[in-house]
């Protein structure tokens, strides 16, 4: 089963244009781009089905002086059914149904919901539109396909923005210029809504990247291309929403805006001795230290004033080891929440290995991680130092 290819930079026929639009829908956001069963209708219509599975076994042991307990958990990290395709030459669609983290922590009845549901309008390589619920365009880490990670999973903290997590509902305009060397994304979305918000304003996000080697054409990224491309991409983004919170929540006064910026770099170089992959990013969320206000909003996410960075690296061995290939990886993350308690500030170090039986379509992964907190929380074991071991199986059809 072949994976969908990148969006071409030139289209000279309707067929090429349609193929590029289908690739955009498959690759844009939510996962690895394996082409499953496809139904065609009319002259230009198509509908493709995909199933994606990640099952994890995880053991966590607390190492702080206040708690020496352990916990073991078996759960479905991701469990998705995807529908994607084309209505015609111009308009495409994408939706996926997810039941994430089922059985995690004893929760065996996780709800099933639409994680993504959007329409694409593919005018040209330089001008495309997305309307619906889809990944926010802020960080590279969030835009990396969760079934194509370099490490076991995305960065633990900095993947997601305070408002809406990984997705938001709105409209985006994006495109590739200069034969794909330069990409832009602009997005307007809901952001934070509800009675806690001082003023109902749209969330505005802008992102650009420059590809110095092989271009990265798609709206989303991959954590590794498994040696199929030579990539050096530098990106930056800005995120803003006006009057998202009160520093004095009881008195409904002293409003604050949300501002965030990020910068990142991604590198992959295949050689005869194997493939080297590395990435790094720095991120800063700023909501005016709303947690330190006279009467802070009790519903403020802990990440509203987060700042942090990460570095990741991987090495894909040349050739096969048995029926598959071996990729080793490591990562370091540093997160500071700027909360009054200081409990959540942490360092994350992890090393691991992927055994790629059929690329990302079928693989087994293992990671050993150590998390250290600047201040141990005496009442919450999850915010005390711990070591964690994760074994995962990924399957995509």
Protein backbone atom coordinates (compact mmCIF):
# COMPACT_ATOMS: atom_id res chain seq x y z
CA UNK A 1 0.00 0.00 0.00
CA UNK A 2 1.56 3.25 -1.07
CA UNK A 3 1.50 6.50 0.82
CA UNK A 4 0.02 9.59 -0.78
CA UNK A 5 2.59 11.87 -2.35
CA UNK A 6 3.17 15.58 -1.84
CA UNK A 7 1.23 18.32 -3.53
CA UNK A 8 2.86 19.16 -6.88
CA UNK A 9 3.98 22.72 -7.46
CA UNK A 10 2.69 22.89 -11.04
CA UNK A 11 -0.53 21.58 -12.54
CA UNK A 12 -0.89 21.42 -16.27
CA UNK A 13 -3.96 19.17 -16.42
CA UNK A 14 -7.14 18.58 -14.48
CA UNK A 15 -5.85 15.17 -13.46
CA UNK A 16 -2.74 16.62 -11.87
CA UNK A 17 -4.78 19.25 -10.11
CA UNK A 18 -7.19 16.67 -8.72
CA UNK A 19 -4.33 14.46 -7.55
CA UNK A 20 -2.74 17.40 -5.79
CA UNK A 21 -5.99 18.32 -4.05
CA UNK A 22 -6.55 14.75 -2.86
CA UNK A 23 -2.99 14.68 -1.53
CA UNK A 24 -3.64 17.94 0.29
CA UNK A 25 -6.71 16.49 1.98
CA UNK A 26 -4.90 13.31 2.95
CA UNK A 27 -1.72 14.93 4.18
CA UNK A 28 -2.89 18.19 5.62
CA UNK A 29 -3.48 17.49 9.25
CA UNK A 30 -4.61 14.53 11.12
CA UNK A 31 -2.30 11.65 10.45
CA UNK A 32 -0.19 9.55 8.27
CA UNK A 33 -1.15 9.59 4.61
CA UNK A 34 -1.82 5.99 3.75
CA UNK A 35 -4.29 5.62 0.90
CA UNK A 36 -7.02 3.21 1.94
CA UNK A 37 -10.01 1.94 -0.08
CA UNK A 38 -11.32 4.56 -2.52
CA UNK A 39 -14.74 4.99 -4.10
CA UNK A 40 -15.04 7.15 -7.21
CA UNK A 41 -18.17 8.91 -8.41
CA UNK A 42 -18.86 11.13 -11.41
CA UNK A 43 -15.98 12.48 -13.45
CA UNK A 44 -14.01 14.03 -10.59
CA UNK A 45 -15.44 12.78 -7.28
CA UNK A 46 -13.73 10.37 -4.87
CA UNK A 47 -14.02 9.14 -1.28
CA UNK A 48 -11.15 7.41 0.55
CA UNK A 49 -11.38 5.54 3.88
CA UNK A 50 -8.49 5.13 6.33
CA UNK A 51 -8.20 3.46 9.73
CA UNK A 52 -5.37 4.46 12.10
CA UNK A 53 -4.52 2.78 15.40
CA UNK A 54 -2.00 3.40 18.19
CA UNK A 55 -2.05 1.07 21.20
CA UNK A 56 0.22 1.82 24.18
CA UNK A 57 1.37 0.01 27.30
CA UNK A 58 2.82 2.47 29.80
CA UNK A 59 4.54 2.06 33.16
CA UNK A 60 5.20 5.07 35.38
CA UNK A 61 7.21 5.02 38.61
CA UNK A 62 7.44 8.04 40.90
CA UNK A 63 10.92 8.80 42.15
CA UNK A 64 10.31 11.77 44.47
CA UNK A 65 10.85 11.56 48.21
CA UNK A 66 7.11 11.92 48.84
CA UNK A 67 5.83 9.08 46.65
CA UNK A 68 7.36 5.80 45.49
CA UNK A 69 4.28 4.29 43.87
CA UNK A 70 3.92 2.84 40.38
CA UNK A 71 1.12 2.66 37.86
CA UNK A 72 0.75 0.53 34.73
CA UNK A 73 -1.77 1.29 32.01
CA UNK A 74 -2.87 -0.23 28.69
CA UNK A 75 -4.85 2.09 26.43
CA UNK A 76 -5.58 3.21 22.87
CA UNK A 77 -3.58 6.39 22.36
CA UNK A 78 -5.35 7.10 19.05
CA UNK A 79 -8.15 5.22 17.31
CA UNK A 80 -9.39 6.96 14.16
CA UNK A 81 -11.54 6.40 11.11
CA UNK A 82 -10.91 8.95 8.35
CA UNK A 83 -12.99 10.01 5.35
CA UNK A 84 -11.37 12.20 2.71
CA UNK A 85 -11.68 12.96 -0.95
CA UNK A 86 -12.86 15.32 -3.68
CA UNK A 87 -16.25 16.69 -4.60
CA UNK A 88 -14.88 18.06 -7.85
CA UNK A 89 -11.72 19.55 -9.33
CA UNK A 90 -11.79 22.48 -6.91
CA UNK A 91 -13.42 21.34 -3.68
CA UNK A 92 -12.22 18.59 -1.34
CA UNK A 93 -13.22 17.38 2.12
CA UNK A 94 -11.76 15.65 5.16
CA UNK A 95 -13.22 14.29 8.41
CA UNK A 96 -12.07 11.86 11.06
CA UNK A 97 -13.83 10.18 13.96
CA UNK A 98 -11.66 9.57 17.01
CA UNK A 99 -11.89 7.83 20.39
CA UNK A 100 -8.54 8.87 21.91
CA UNK A 101 -6.98 7.50 25.09
CA UNK A 102 -9.68 4.85 25.51
CA UNK A 103 -9.05 2.79 28.68
CA UNK A 104 -6.45 5.29 29.91
CA UNK A 105 -6.54 5.56 33.66
CA UNK A 106 -9.48 3.18 33.85
CA UNK A 107 -11.76 5.26 31.60
CA UNK A 108 -13.17 2.53 29.37
CA UNK A 109 -16.02 4.47 27.79
CA UNK A 110 -14.37 7.37 25.99
CA UNK A 111 -16.65 9.41 23.80
CA UNK A 112 -16.41 9.19 20.02
CA UNK A 113 -16.35 12.53 18.23
CA UNK A 114 -15.31 14.30 15.06
CA UNK A 115 -11.77 15.52 15.68
CA UNK A 116 -11.52 17.14 12.24
CA UNK A 117 -14.20 18.14 9.75
CA UNK A 118 -13.40 20.62 7.00
CA UNK A 119 -13.74 21.60 3.36
CA UNK A 120 -10.77 22.53 1.16
CA UNK A 121 -10.80 24.87 -1.82
CA UNK A 122 -7.73 24.37 -3.97
CA UNK A 123 -7.52 27.33 -6.34
CA UNK A 124 -3.79 26.96 -7.06
CA UNK A 125 -0.51 26.11 -5.34
CA UNK A 126 -0.28 29.75 -4.31
CA UNK A 127 -3.84 30.12 -2.99
CA UNK A 128 -5.81 27.54 -1.03
CA UNK A 129 -8.57 27.75 1.58
CA UNK A 130 -9.75 25.53 4.45
CA UNK A 131 -13.09 25.96 6.23
CA UNK A 132 -14.23 23.98 9.28
CA UNK A 133 -12.54 22.42 12.28
CA UNK A 134 -8.87 21.62 11.75
CA UNK A 135 -5.42 21.96 13.25
CA UNK A 136 -4.39 25.39 14.41
CA UNK A 137 -1.55 26.73 12.27
CA UNK A 138 0.66 27.99 15.11
CA UNK A 139 3.39 25.50 16.09
CA UNK A 140 5.22 23.07 13.83
CA UNK A 141 4.90 20.47 16.57
CA UNK A 142 1.10 20.62 16.44
CA UNK A 143 1.12 20.53 12.64
CA UNK A 144 3.31 17.42 12.52
CA UNK A 145 1.23 14.34 11.75
CA UNK A 146 0.69 12.33 14.92
CA UNK A 147 1.24 9.07 13.00
CA UNK A 148 4.59 10.33 11.62
CA UNK A 149 6.47 11.45 14.75
CA UNK A 150 10.22 11.40 15.16
CA UNK A 151 9.86 10.46 18.83
CA UNK A 152 7.19 8.46 20.64
CA UNK A 153 4.77 11.36 20.43
CA UNK A 154 4.72 15.12 20.16
CA UNK A 155 6.36 17.35 22.78
CA UNK A 156 4.39 16.84 25.98
CA UNK A 157 3.48 20.48 26.63
CA UNK A 158 4.35 22.82 23.78
CA UNK A 159 2.33 21.09 21.06
CA UNK A 160 -0.93 22.71 22.02
CA UNK A 161 -2.03 26.30 22.55
CA UNK A 162 -4.12 27.30 25.61
CA UNK A 163 -7.33 27.82 23.63
CA UNK A 164 -8.84 24.90 21.78
CA UNK A 165 -5.94 22.49 22.20
CA UNK A 166 -4.70 21.18 18.86
CA UNK A 167 -7.76 22.14 16.77
CA UNK A 168 -9.95 25.18 16.30
CA UNK A 169 -12.93 26.08 14.15
CA UNK A 170 -12.50 28.77 11.52
CA UNK A 171 -11.05 29.53 8.11
CA UNK A 172 -7.49 29.49 6.79
CA UNK A 173 -5.79 30.77 3.66
CA UNK A 174 -2.43 29.31 2.72
CA UNK A 175 -0.15 28.62 -0.20
CA UNK A 176 3.32 27.90 -1.56
CA UNK A 177 5.38 30.52 -3.37
CA UNK A 178 8.72 30.44 -5.18
CA UNK A 179 8.30 26.79 -6.25
CA UNK A 180 7.47 25.80 -2.70
CA UNK A 181 10.49 27.42 -1.07
CA UNK A 182 8.24 29.81 0.88
CA UNK A 183 4.94 28.92 2.52
CA UNK A 184 2.44 31.16 4.29
CA UNK A 185 -0.60 30.39 6.44
CA UNK A 186 -3.13 32.84 7.92
CA UNK A 187 -6.05 31.68 10.03
CA UNK A 188 -9.03 33.21 11.81
CA UNK A 189 -10.79 31.00 14.36
CA UNK A 190 -12.92 30.92 17.52
CA UNK A 191 -10.16 30.83 20.09
CA UNK A 192 -11.48 31.30 23.61
CA UNK A 193 -15.22 31.79 23.90
CA UNK A 194 -17.87 31.91 26.61
CA UNK A 195 -18.84 33.95 29.64
CA UNK A 196 -15.23 34.12 30.90
CA UNK A 197 -14.14 36.15 27.85
CA UNK A 198 -14.25 39.92 28.24
CA UNK A 199 -14.84 40.48 24.53
CA UNK A 200 -15.80 37.96 21.85
CA UNK A 201 -12.99 38.52 19.35
CA UNK A 202 -11.55 36.16 16.72
CA UNK A 203 -8.27 34.40 17.23
CA UNK A 204 -5.76 35.36 14.53
CA UNK A 205 -2.80 33.15 13.60
CA UNK A 206 -0.06 33.62 11.03
CA UNK A 207 2.76 31.26 10.12
CA UNK A 208 5.53 31.25 7.51
CA UNK A 209 8.37 28.90 6.69
CA UNK A 210 11.32 28.85 4.33
CA UNK A 211 12.60 25.58 2.85
CA UNK A 212 16.32 25.72 2.01
CA UNK A 213 16.55 22.17 0.60
CA UNK A 214 13.60 20.03 -0.54
CA UNK A 215 10.36 21.97 -0.02
CA UNK A 216 7.71 20.95 2.51
CA UNK A 217 4.59 21.60 0.44
CA UNK A 218 1.74 20.52 2.69
CA UNK A 219 -0.25 22.40 5.33
CA UNK A 220 0.97 19.86 7.86
CA UNK A 221 4.45 18.46 8.45
CA UNK A 222 6.03 15.14 9.35
CA UNK A 223 8.37 14.44 12.24
CA UNK A 224 10.51 12.38 9.87
CA UNK A 225 10.45 11.59 6.17
CA UNK A 226 12.43 8.37 6.78
CA UNK A 227 15.21 9.43 4.46
CA UNK A 228 13.06 10.18 1.40
CA UNK A 229 13.89 13.92 1.41
CA UNK A 230 16.71 16.33 2.17
CA UNK A 231 15.02 18.98 4.31
CA UNK A 232 16.09 22.17 6.06
CA UNK A 233 13.06 24.27 6.99
CA UNK A 234 12.97 27.35 9.23
CA UNK A 235 9.59 28.53 10.48
CA UNK A 236 8.00 31.17 12.69
CA UNK A 237 4.46 32.03 13.78
CA UNK A 238 2.40 34.52 15.79
CA UNK A 239 -0.92 33.93 17.57
CA UNK A 240 -3.24 36.64 18.99
CA UNK A 241 -6.67 37.11 20.55
CA UNK A 242 -7.95 40.27 22.20
CA UNK A 243 -9.48 40.42 25.69
CA UNK A 244 -9.42 36.70 26.44
CA UNK A 245 -9.51 36.96 30.26
CA UNK A 246 -9.92 39.16 33.34
CA UNK A 247 -7.17 39.58 35.88
CA UNK A 248 -10.00 40.49 38.26
CA UNK A 249 -12.53 37.80 37.41
CA UNK A 250 -14.94 38.59 40.26
CA UNK A 251 -15.03 42.29 39.45
CA UNK A 252 -14.96 41.64 35.67
CA UNK A 253 -12.17 44.20 35.17
CA UNK A 254 -8.53 44.47 34.11
CA UNK A 255 -8.79 42.55 30.82
CA UNK A 256 -5.75 40.95 29.17
CA UNK A 257 -4.95 39.93 25.60
CA UNK A 258 -3.40 36.65 24.52
CA UNK A 259 -0.21 36.81 22.45
CA UNK A 260 2.15 34.01 21.45
CA UNK A 261 5.15 33.47 19.21
CA UNK A 262 7.24 30.51 18.15
CA UNK A 263 10.29 29.77 16.00
CA UNK A 264 11.44 26.35 14.82
CA UNK A 265 13.90 24.53 12.61
CA UNK A 266 13.72 21.04 11.07
CA UNK A 267 16.55 19.13 9.38
CA UNK A 268 16.74 15.71 7.69
CA UNK A 269 19.68 14.40 5.69
CA UNK A 270 19.82 10.91 4.16
CA UNK A 271 23.33 9.49 3.66
CA UNK A 272 24.80 6.15 2.71
CA UNK A 273 25.45 5.59 6.43
CA UNK A 274 21.84 6.28 7.44
CA UNK A 275 19.48 9.24 7.86
CA UNK A 276 19.98 12.00 10.41
CA UNK A 277 16.94 13.97 11.61
CA UNK A 278 16.87 16.89 14.05
CA UNK A 279 14.40 19.55 15.08
CA UNK A 280 14.14 22.30 17.68
CA UNK A 281 11.65 24.98 18.66
CA UNK A 282 11.09 27.75 21.19
CA UNK A 283 7.60 28.92 22.17
CA UNK A 284 6.19 31.69 24.36
CA UNK A 285 2.55 32.18 25.40
CA UNK A 286 1.70 35.51 27.05
CA UNK A 287 -1.65 36.25 28.68
CA UNK A 288 -0.45 39.10 30.88
CA UNK A 289 0.23 36.87 33.90
CA UNK A 290 -3.52 36.59 34.40
CA UNK A 291 -2.97 33.90 37.05
CA UNK A 292 -1.41 36.60 39.29
CA UNK A 293 -4.43 38.94 39.10
CA UNK A 294 -6.55 40.21 41.98
CA UNK A 295 -9.06 37.36 41.49
CA UNK A 296 -7.80 35.07 38.70
CA UNK A 297 -10.18 33.34 36.30
CA UNK A 298 -10.64 29.83 37.76
CA UNK A 299 -11.08 28.40 34.26
CA UNK A 300 -7.78 29.67 32.86
CA UNK A 301 -5.66 26.83 31.40
CA UNK A 302 -2.35 26.26 33.16
CA UNK A 303 -0.49 26.99 29.90
CA UNK A 304 -1.70 30.59 29.42
CA UNK A 305 1.78 32.00 30.19
CA UNK A 306 3.88 28.98 29.25
CA UNK A 307 7.36 29.35 27.80
CA UNK A 308 9.64 26.54 26.75
CA UNK A 309 11.78 24.84 24.17
CA UNK A 310 12.69 21.40 22.91
CA UNK A 311 15.31 19.61 20.83
CA UNK A 312 14.86 16.23 19.16
CA UNK A 313 17.19 14.03 17.12
CA UNK A 314 16.95 10.70 15.37
CA UNK A 315 19.06 8.29 13.34
CA UNK A 316 17.60 5.82 10.84
CA UNK A 317 19.96 2.90 10.23
CA UNK A 318 20.75 2.06 6.60
CA UNK A 319 19.20 -1.11 5.27
CA UNK A 320 16.94 -3.54 7.05
CA UNK A 321 17.32 -5.39 10.31
CA UNK A 322 15.18 -8.46 9.79
CA UNK A 323 11.92 -7.53 8.03
CA UNK A 324 12.03 -3.86 9.07
CA UNK A 325 14.19 -0.79 9.68
CA UNK A 326 15.45 0.67 12.96
CA UNK A 327 15.30 4.35 13.94
CA UNK A 328 16.64 5.53 17.30
CA UNK A 329 15.67 8.89 18.78
CA UNK A 330 16.03 11.21 21.75
CA UNK A 331 14.41 14.40 23.00
CA UNK A 332 14.82 17.07 25.67
CA UNK A 333 12.09 19.51 26.68
CA UNK A 334 12.05 22.41 29.12
CA UNK A 335 8.76 24.03 30.17
CA UNK A 336 8.11 26.93 32.54
CA UNK A 337 4.46 27.70 33.29
CA UNK A 338 4.94 30.94 35.23
CA UNK A 339 2.27 29.95 37.76
CA UNK A 340 2.14 31.25 41.34
CA UNK A 341 2.74 27.74 42.74
CA UNK A 342 5.64 26.88 40.41
CA UNK A 343 4.57 23.22 40.59
CA UNK A 344 4.40 22.41 36.89
CA UNK A 345 7.81 23.70 35.71
CA UNK A 346 9.66 20.67 34.39
CA UNK A 347 12.37 19.02 32.29
CA UNK A 348 11.66 16.01 30.10
CA UNK A 349 14.37 13.67 28.78
CA UNK A 350 13.62 10.61 26.68
CA UNK A 351 15.33 8.07 24.44
CA UNK A 352 13.74 5.37 22.34
CA UNK A 353 13.57 3.29 19.19
CA UNK A 354 11.13 2.61 16.34
CA UNK A 355 11.07 -0.72 14.53
CA UNK A 356 9.49 0.14 11.18
CA UNK A 357 8.11 -3.10 9.78
CA UNK A 358 6.32 -1.31 6.92
CA UNK A 359 7.35 2.32 7.36
CA UNK A 360 4.81 4.23 9.45
CA UNK A 361 2.04 1.86 8.35
CA UNK A 362 3.16 -0.84 10.78
CA UNK A 363 5.69 -0.20 13.51
CA UNK A 364 6.58 -0.99 17.12
CA UNK A 365 8.04 1.78 19.31
CA UNK A 366 9.61 2.03 22.75
CA UNK A 367 10.59 5.07 24.82
CA UNK A 368 12.16 5.49 28.25
CA UNK A 369 11.64 8.95 29.73
CA UNK A 370 12.52 10.83 32.91
CA UNK A 371 10.58 13.89 34.04
CA UNK A 372 11.88 16.21 36.76
CA UNK A 373 9.90 19.06 38.33
CA UNK A 374 11.45 22.20 39.78
CA UNK A 375 8.99 22.05 42.71
CA UNK A 376 7.38 18.79 43.84
CA UNK A 377 3.60 18.99 44.31
CA UNK A 378 2.78 17.29 47.64
CA UNK A 379 -0.86 16.59 46.70
CA UNK A 380 -0.63 15.63 43.01
CA UNK A 381 1.55 12.62 42.10
CA UNK A 382 1.51 13.54 38.39
CA UNK A 383 3.50 16.68 39.27
CA UNK A 384 6.31 14.87 41.05
CA UNK A 385 9.46 13.41 39.50
CA UNK A 386 8.83 10.15 37.67
CA UNK A 387 10.27 7.70 35.18
CA UNK A 388 8.09 6.40 32.38
CA UNK A 389 8.38 3.49 29.96
CA UNK A 390 6.10 3.27 26.93
CA UNK A 391 5.67 0.45 24.41
CA UNK A 392 3.52 1.20 21.39
CA UNK A 393 2.07 -0.49 18.31
CA UNK A 394 0.96 1.54 15.29
CA UNK A 395 -1.14 0.26 12.40
CA UNK A 396 -2.59 2.22 9.49
CA UNK A 397 -4.87 0.89 6.78
